Amino acid sequence: MTIRLTNFMKLETGADGGHSYVTSEIEYKGQTRKIVVFFADKADEQNLKGRKEITVDGRLIDEKNQSLNLLGSRLID
């Protein structure tokens, strides 16, 4: 699934030398839902610096009573 995010927050973990991921809210099936974007490639994580908008593509996971997760994501632009 490809998603354009215009209002997101970049967060970081300390695991495996540190990883970055993105959280935001999107409209999905008529509801506002939190989404967490996990990147497949560390280079994409590093390319988040200074960006205010991103387009990402990945595998969307929608589990009941959880946030949406976009796994194996990559930056499109």
C-alpha atoms as a PDB file:
ATOM      1  CA  MET A   1       0.000   0.000   0.000  1.00  0.00           C
ATOM      2  CA  THR A   2       1.308   3.461  -0.889  1.00  0.00           C
ATOM      3  CA  ILE A   3       0.589   6.317   1.534  1.00  0.00           C
ATOM      4  CA  ARG A   4       1.450  10.027   1.505  1.00  0.00           C
ATOM      5  CA  LEU A   5       2.183  11.402   4.983  1.00  0.00           C
ATOM      6  CA  THR A   6       2.189  15.159   5.486  1.00  0.00           C
ATOM      7  CA  ASN A   7       2.174  15.252   9.274  1.00  0.00           C
ATOM      8  CA  PHE A   8       4.418  12.640  10.863  1.00  0.00           C
ATOM      9  CA  MET A   9       6.795  12.175  13.768  1.00  0.00           C
ATOM     10  CA  LYS A  10      10.147  10.432  13.389  1.00  0.00           C
ATOM     11  CA  LEU A  11      11.048   8.246  16.364  1.00  0.00           C
ATOM     12  CA  GLU A  12      14.121   6.131  17.094  1.00  0.00           C
ATOM     13  CA  THR A  13      15.008   2.930  18.908  1.00  0.00           C
ATOM     14  CA  GLY A  14      18.328   1.793  20.300  1.00  0.00           C
ATOM     15  CA  ALA A  15      17.947  -1.793  19.052  1.00  0.00           C
ATOM     16  CA  ASP A  16      20.385  -3.174  16.442  1.00  0.00           C
ATOM     17  CA  GLY A  17      22.471  -0.013  16.354  1.00  0.00           C
ATOM     18  CA  GLY A  18      19.410   2.204  16.252  1.00  0.00           C
ATOM     19  CA  HIS A  19      16.497   2.350  13.878  1.00  0.00           C
ATOM     20  CA  SER A  20      14.115   5.124  12.898  1.00  0.00           C
ATOM     21  CA  TYR A  21      10.411   4.726  12.317  1.00  0.00           C
ATOM     22  CA  VAL A  22       7.531   7.080  11.650  1.00  0.00           C
ATOM     23  CA  THR A  23       4.153   7.543  13.320  1.00  0.00           C
ATOM     24  CA  SER A  24       1.212   9.495  11.993  1.00  0.00           C
ATOM     25  CA  GLU A  25      -2.556   9.448  11.686  1.00  0.00           C
ATOM     26  CA  ILE A  26      -4.402   8.642   8.476  1.00  0.00           C
ATOM     27  CA  GLU A  27      -7.975   8.208   7.334  1.00  0.00           C
ATOM     28  CA  TYR A  28      -8.543   4.486   6.801  1.00  0.00           C
ATOM     29  CA  LYS A  29     -11.917   2.936   6.047  1.00  0.00           C
ATOM     30  CA  GLY A  30     -13.717   6.061   7.224  1.00  0.00           C
ATOM     31  CA  GLN A  31     -11.858   6.340  10.543  1.00  0.00           C
ATOM     32  CA  THR A  32      -8.840   8.288  11.759  1.00  0.00           C
ATOM     33  CA  ARG A  33      -6.230   5.698  12.722  1.00  0.00           C
ATOM     34  CA  LYS A  34      -2.695   5.817  14.051  1.00  0.00           C
ATOM     35  CA  ILE A  35      -0.131   4.284  11.684  1.00  0.00           C
ATOM     36  CA  VAL A  36       3.430   3.168  12.430  1.00  0.00           C
ATOM     37  CA  VAL A  37       5.798   2.886   9.454  1.00  0.00           C
ATOM     38  CA  PHE A  38       8.768   0.497   9.745  1.00  0.00           C
ATOM     39  CA  PHE A  39      11.404   0.740   7.017  1.00  0.00           C
ATOM     40  CA  ALA A  40      13.053  -2.205   5.262  1.00  0.00           C
ATOM     41  CA  ASP A  41      16.280  -0.320   4.545  1.00  0.00           C
ATOM     42  CA  LYS A  42      18.301   1.762   6.992  1.00  0.00           C
ATOM     43  CA  ALA A  43      19.162   4.158   4.116  1.00  0.00           C
ATOM     44  CA  ASP A  44      15.486   5.150   3.931  1.00  0.00           C
ATOM     45  CA  GLU A  45      15.519   5.811   7.682  1.00  0.00           C
ATOM     46  CA  GLN A  46      18.457   8.179   7.221  1.00  0.00           C
ATOM     47  CA  ASN A  47      16.708   9.969   4.335  1.00  0.00           C
ATOM     48  CA  LEU A  48      13.938  11.172   6.682  1.00  0.00           C
ATOM     49  CA  LYS A  49      16.039  14.081   7.984  1.00  0.00           C
ATOM     50  CA  GLY A  50      14.504  17.467   7.256  1.00  0.00           C
ATOM     51  CA  ARG A  51      11.505  16.087   5.382  1.00  0.00           C
ATOM     52  CA  LYS A  52       8.052  17.463   6.064  1.00  0.00           C
ATOM     53  CA  GLU A  53       6.222  15.121   3.670  1.00  0.00           C
ATOM     54  CA  ILE A  54       6.973  11.574   2.572  1.00  0.00           C
ATOM     55  CA  THR A  55       5.423   8.912   0.384  1.00  0.00           C
ATOM     56  CA  VAL A  56       5.977   5.356   1.575  1.00  0.00           C
ATOM     57  CA  ASP A  57       5.077   1.950   0.219  1.00  0.00           C
ATOM     58  CA  GLY A  58       4.843  -1.207   2.311  1.00  0.00           C
ATOM     59  CA  ARG A  59       2.713  -4.078   3.547  1.00  0.00           C
ATOM     60  CA  LEU A  60      -0.224  -2.799   5.611  1.00  0.00           C
ATOM     61  CA  ILE A  61      -1.188  -4.794   8.702  1.00  0.00           C
ATOM     62  CA  ASP A  62      -4.535  -4.001  10.361  1.00  0.00           C
ATOM     63  CA  GLU A  63      -4.990  -5.932  13.599  1.00  0.00           C
ATOM     64  CA  LYS A  64      -8.103  -5.464  15.693  1.00  0.00           C
ATOM     65  CA  ASN A  65      -7.770  -2.822  18.460  1.00  0.00           C
ATOM     66  CA  GLN A  66      -4.196  -1.930  17.398  1.00  0.00           C
ATOM     67  CA  SER A  67      -2.581   0.804  15.360  1.00  0.00           C
ATOM     68  CA  LEU A  68      -2.038   0.194  11.661  1.00  0.00           C
ATOM     69  CA  ASN A  69       1.470  -1.021  10.798  1.00  0.00           C
ATOM     70  CA  LEU A  70       3.203  -0.515   7.462  1.00  0.00           C
ATOM     71  CA  LEU A  71       5.951  -3.116   7.357  1.00  0.00           C
ATOM     72  CA  GLY A  72       8.945  -3.475   5.033  1.00  0.00           C
ATOM     73  CA  SER A  73       8.392   0.098   3.875  1.00  0.00           C
ATOM     74  CA  ARG A  74      10.452   2.120   1.452  1.00  0.00           C
ATOM     75  CA  LEU A  75      10.507   5.811   0.581  1.00  0.00           C
ATOM     76  CA  ILE A  76       9.026   6.521  -2.847  1.00  0.00           C
ATOM     77  CA  ASP A  77      10.297  10.099  -3.251  1.00  0.00           C
END
